[in-house]
Amino acid sequence: MGLLADILLVAGTLAVAAYCYVLSARLRKFATLESGMGSAVALLSAQVDDMTRALDRARGSAQASATGLEALTARAEMAAARMEVLLASMHDLPSPDRATDSRPLRFIRRKTSRAVEEDAL
């Protein structure tokens, strides 16, 4: 009975040794930076760094575009306000269909006397 237990113990030890050998080989492949999973992790890390830099550049560009767009919007609002004032002043002019007098307007210049001009200076 003791001999059978010793044989089973040796068989179990050999099985565990083979299992450890296989695990160590897999771990070596996993940790190798050139060809294993380590290279994939290093590659992904480099890609994450590149994407972070690209995102920072895009964020800066978007901020600059937003600032420029805000300035252009402010200019457009000012121009729209001026146009509204001009449009409102156009309503004060007489329309051509209401004009009953078809004669052109005449402008008269009057000469002022020298005394009035000298007093003004």
C-alpha atoms as a PDB file:
ATOM      1  CA  MET A   1       0.000   0.000   0.000  1.00  0.00           C
ATOM      2  CA  GLY A   2       2.883   2.302   0.776  1.00  0.00           C
ATOM      3  CA  LEU A   3       4.448   1.538  -2.599  1.00  0.00           C
ATOM      4  CA  LEU A   4       1.222   2.515  -4.405  1.00  0.00           C
ATOM      5  CA  ALA A   5       1.047   5.805  -2.478  1.00  0.00           C
ATOM      6  CA  ASP A   6       4.682   6.548  -3.373  1.00  0.00           C
ATOM      7  CA  ILE A   7       4.025   5.868  -7.066  1.00  0.00           C
ATOM      8  CA  LEU A   8       0.971   8.154  -7.069  1.00  0.00           C
ATOM      9  CA  LEU A   9       2.979  10.826  -5.259  1.00  0.00           C
ATOM     10  CA  VAL A  10       5.775  10.679  -7.840  1.00  0.00           C
ATOM     11  CA  ALA A  11       3.237  10.769 -10.716  1.00  0.00           C
ATOM     12  CA  GLY A  12       1.535  13.827  -9.214  1.00  0.00           C
ATOM     13  CA  THR A  13       4.892  15.535  -8.723  1.00  0.00           C
ATOM     14  CA  LEU A  14       5.844  14.900 -12.358  1.00  0.00           C
ATOM     15  CA  ALA A  15       2.482  16.250 -13.559  1.00  0.00           C
ATOM     16  CA  VAL A  16       2.896  19.394 -11.474  1.00  0.00           C
ATOM     17  CA  ALA A  17       6.464  19.833 -12.750  1.00  0.00           C
ATOM     18  CA  ALA A  18       5.269  19.567 -16.377  1.00  0.00           C
ATOM     19  CA  TYR A  19       2.494  22.056 -15.660  1.00  0.00           C
ATOM     20  CA  CYS A  20       4.980  24.518 -14.123  1.00  0.00           C
ATOM     21  CA  TYR A  21       7.296  24.132 -17.115  1.00  0.00           C
ATOM     22  CA  VAL A  22       4.435  24.948 -19.542  1.00  0.00           C
ATOM     23  CA  LEU A  23       3.396  27.951 -17.452  1.00  0.00           C
ATOM     24  CA  SER A  24       6.941  29.293 -17.323  1.00  0.00           C
ATOM     25  CA  ALA A  25       7.263  29.014 -21.122  1.00  0.00           C
ATOM     26  CA  ARG A  26       4.004  30.887 -21.592  1.00  0.00           C
ATOM     27  CA  LEU A  27       5.053  33.547 -19.087  1.00  0.00           C
ATOM     28  CA  ARG A  28       8.366  34.049 -20.918  1.00  0.00           C
ATOM     29  CA  LYS A  29       6.494  34.560 -24.214  1.00  0.00           C
ATOM     30  CA  PHE A  30       4.040  36.892 -22.528  1.00  0.00           C
ATOM     31  CA  ALA A  31       6.763  39.054 -20.992  1.00  0.00           C
ATOM     32  CA  THR A  32       8.989  39.281 -24.081  1.00  0.00           C
ATOM     33  CA  LEU A  33       8.856  42.847 -25.398  1.00  0.00           C
ATOM     34  CA  GLU A  34       9.972  42.032 -28.932  1.00  0.00           C
ATOM     35  CA  SER A  35       7.467  39.390 -29.968  1.00  0.00           C
ATOM     36  CA  GLY A  36       5.016  38.617 -27.195  1.00  0.00           C
ATOM     37  CA  MET A  37       2.209  40.300 -25.398  1.00  0.00           C
ATOM     38  CA  GLY A  38       4.662  42.834 -23.964  1.00  0.00           C
ATOM     39  CA  SER A  39       5.161  44.315 -27.422  1.00  0.00           C
ATOM     40  CA  ALA A  40       1.417  44.634 -27.874  1.00  0.00           C
ATOM     41  CA  VAL A  41       1.118  46.417 -24.529  1.00  0.00           C
ATOM     42  CA  ALA A  42       4.025  48.739 -25.415  1.00  0.00           C
ATOM     43  CA  LEU A  43       2.486  49.455 -28.815  1.00  0.00           C
ATOM     44  CA  LEU A  44      -0.898  50.245 -27.303  1.00  0.00           C
ATOM     45  CA  SER A  45       0.752  52.510 -24.751  1.00  0.00           C
ATOM     46  CA  ALA A  46       2.525  54.432 -27.521  1.00  0.00           C
ATOM     47  CA  GLN A  47      -0.737  54.748 -29.438  1.00  0.00           C
ATOM     48  CA  VAL A  48      -2.500  56.086 -26.347  1.00  0.00           C
ATOM     49  CA  ASP A  49       0.236  58.711 -25.968  1.00  0.00           C
ATOM     50  CA  ASP A  50      -0.106  59.709 -29.633  1.00  0.00           C
ATOM     51  CA  MET A  51      -3.877  59.959 -29.340  1.00  0.00           C
ATOM     52  CA  THR A  52      -3.547  62.088 -26.202  1.00  0.00           C
ATOM     53  CA  ARG A  53      -1.250  64.503 -28.029  1.00  0.00           C
ATOM     54  CA  ALA A  54      -3.604  64.608 -31.028  1.00  0.00           C
ATOM     55  CA  LEU A  55      -6.541  65.272 -28.733  1.00  0.00           C
ATOM     56  CA  ASP A  56      -4.677  68.142 -27.073  1.00  0.00           C
ATOM     57  CA  ARG A  57      -3.892  69.661 -30.476  1.00  0.00           C
ATOM     58  CA  ALA A  58      -7.513  69.273 -31.575  1.00  0.00           C
ATOM     59  CA  ARG A  59      -8.721  70.854 -28.336  1.00  0.00           C
ATOM     60  CA  GLY A  60      -6.425  73.849 -28.871  1.00  0.00           C
ATOM     61  CA  SER A  61      -7.555  74.234 -32.455  1.00  0.00           C
ATOM     62  CA  ALA A  62     -11.211  74.034 -31.447  1.00  0.00           C
ATOM     63  CA  GLN A  63     -10.637  76.659 -28.752  1.00  0.00           C
ATOM     64  CA  ALA A  64      -9.009  78.996 -31.298  1.00  0.00           C
ATOM     65  CA  SER A  65     -11.872  78.429 -33.744  1.00  0.00           C
ATOM     66  CA  ALA A  66     -14.438  79.108 -31.033  1.00  0.00           C
ATOM     67  CA  THR A  67     -12.702  82.354 -30.091  1.00  0.00           C
ATOM     68  CA  GLY A  68     -12.614  83.480 -33.725  1.00  0.00           C
ATOM     69  CA  LEU A  69     -16.245  82.507 -34.196  1.00  0.00           C
ATOM     70  CA  GLU A  70     -17.262  84.504 -31.118  1.00  0.00           C
ATOM     71  CA  ALA A  71     -15.473  87.570 -32.517  1.00  0.00           C
ATOM     72  CA  LEU A  72     -17.163  87.158 -35.896  1.00  0.00           C
ATOM     73  CA  THR A  73     -20.543  86.704 -34.226  1.00  0.00           C
ATOM     74  CA  ALA A  74     -20.057  89.918 -32.254  1.00  0.00           C
ATOM     75  CA  ARG A  75     -19.155  91.787 -35.461  1.00  0.00           C
ATOM     76  CA  ALA A  76     -22.212  90.339 -37.218  1.00  0.00           C
ATOM     77  CA  GLU A  77     -24.483  91.396 -34.357  1.00  0.00           C
ATOM     78  CA  MET A  78     -23.099  94.943 -34.507  1.00  0.00           C
ATOM     79  CA  ALA A  79     -23.609  95.046 -38.283  1.00  0.00           C
ATOM     80  CA  ALA A  80     -27.156  93.728 -37.880  1.00  0.00           C
ATOM     81  CA  ALA A  81     -27.911  96.450 -35.337  1.00  0.00           C
ATOM     82  CA  ARG A  82     -26.585  99.118 -37.730  1.00  0.00           C
ATOM     83  CA  MET A  83     -28.656  97.665 -40.549  1.00  0.00           C
ATOM     84  CA  GLU A  84     -31.768  97.760 -38.365  1.00  0.00           C
ATOM     85  CA  VAL A  85     -31.132 101.438 -37.624  1.00  0.00           C
ATOM     86  CA  LEU A  86     -30.644 102.152 -41.342  1.00  0.00           C
ATOM     87  CA  LEU A  87     -33.796 100.227 -42.198  1.00  0.00           C
ATOM     88  CA  ALA A  88     -35.736 102.126 -39.550  1.00  0.00           C
ATOM     89  CA  SER A  89     -34.473 105.424 -40.963  1.00  0.00           C
ATOM     90  CA  MET A  90     -35.611 104.357 -44.437  1.00  0.00           C
ATOM     91  CA  HIS A  91     -39.203 104.313 -43.148  1.00  0.00           C
ATOM     92  CA  ASP A  92     -38.916 108.056 -42.458  1.00  0.00           C
ATOM     93  CA  LEU A  93     -38.271 108.848 -46.127  1.00  0.00           C
ATOM     94  CA  PRO A  94     -41.296 109.525 -48.321  1.00  0.00           C
ATOM     95  CA  SER A  95     -42.049 106.693 -50.668  1.00  0.00           C
ATOM     96  CA  PRO A  96     -42.081 107.447 -54.427  1.00  0.00           C
ATOM     97  CA  ASP A  97     -45.721 106.404 -54.836  1.00  0.00           C
ATOM     98  CA  ARG A  98     -46.893 108.979 -52.254  1.00  0.00           C
ATOM     99  CA  ALA A  99     -45.144 111.886 -53.895  1.00  0.00           C
ATOM    100  CA  THR A 100     -47.765 114.148 -55.433  1.00  0.00           C
ATOM    101  CA  ASP A 101     -45.295 116.668 -56.721  1.00  0.00           C
ATOM    102  CA  SER A 102     -43.347 115.290 -59.659  1.00  0.00           C
ATOM    103  CA  ARG A 103     -41.044 118.297 -59.892  1.00  0.00           C
ATOM    104  CA  PRO A 104     -37.447 117.724 -58.869  1.00  0.00           C
ATOM    105  CA  LEU A 105     -36.243 119.330 -55.697  1.00  0.00           C
ATOM    106  CA  ARG A 106     -34.354 122.610 -56.017  1.00  0.00           C
ATOM    107  CA  PHE A 107     -31.618 123.741 -53.730  1.00  0.00           C
ATOM    108  CA  ILE A 108     -31.057 127.467 -53.286  1.00  0.00           C
ATOM    109  CA  ARG A 109     -27.803 128.919 -52.058  1.00  0.00           C
ATOM    110  CA  ARG A 110     -27.814 132.301 -50.514  1.00  0.00           C
ATOM    111  CA  LYS A 111     -24.800 134.459 -50.165  1.00  0.00           C
ATOM    112  CA  THR A 112     -24.103 135.749 -46.718  1.00  0.00           C
ATOM    113  CA  SER A 113     -22.780 139.208 -46.096  1.00  0.00           C
ATOM    114  CA  ARG A 114     -19.146 139.687 -45.155  1.00  0.00           C
ATOM    115  CA  ALA A 115     -20.036 141.112 -41.780  1.00  0.00           C
ATOM    116  CA  VAL A 116     -21.873 137.952 -40.757  1.00  0.00           C
ATOM    117  CA  GLU A 117     -18.921 135.807 -41.882  1.00  0.00           C
ATOM    118  CA  GLU A 118     -16.418 137.935 -39.970  1.00  0.00           C
ATOM    119  CA  ASP A 119     -18.518 137.771 -36.823  1.00  0.00           C
ATOM    120  CA  ALA A 120     -18.602 133.999 -37.089  1.00  0.00           C
ATOM    121  CA  LEU A 121     -14.807 133.830 -37.142  1.00  0.00           C
END
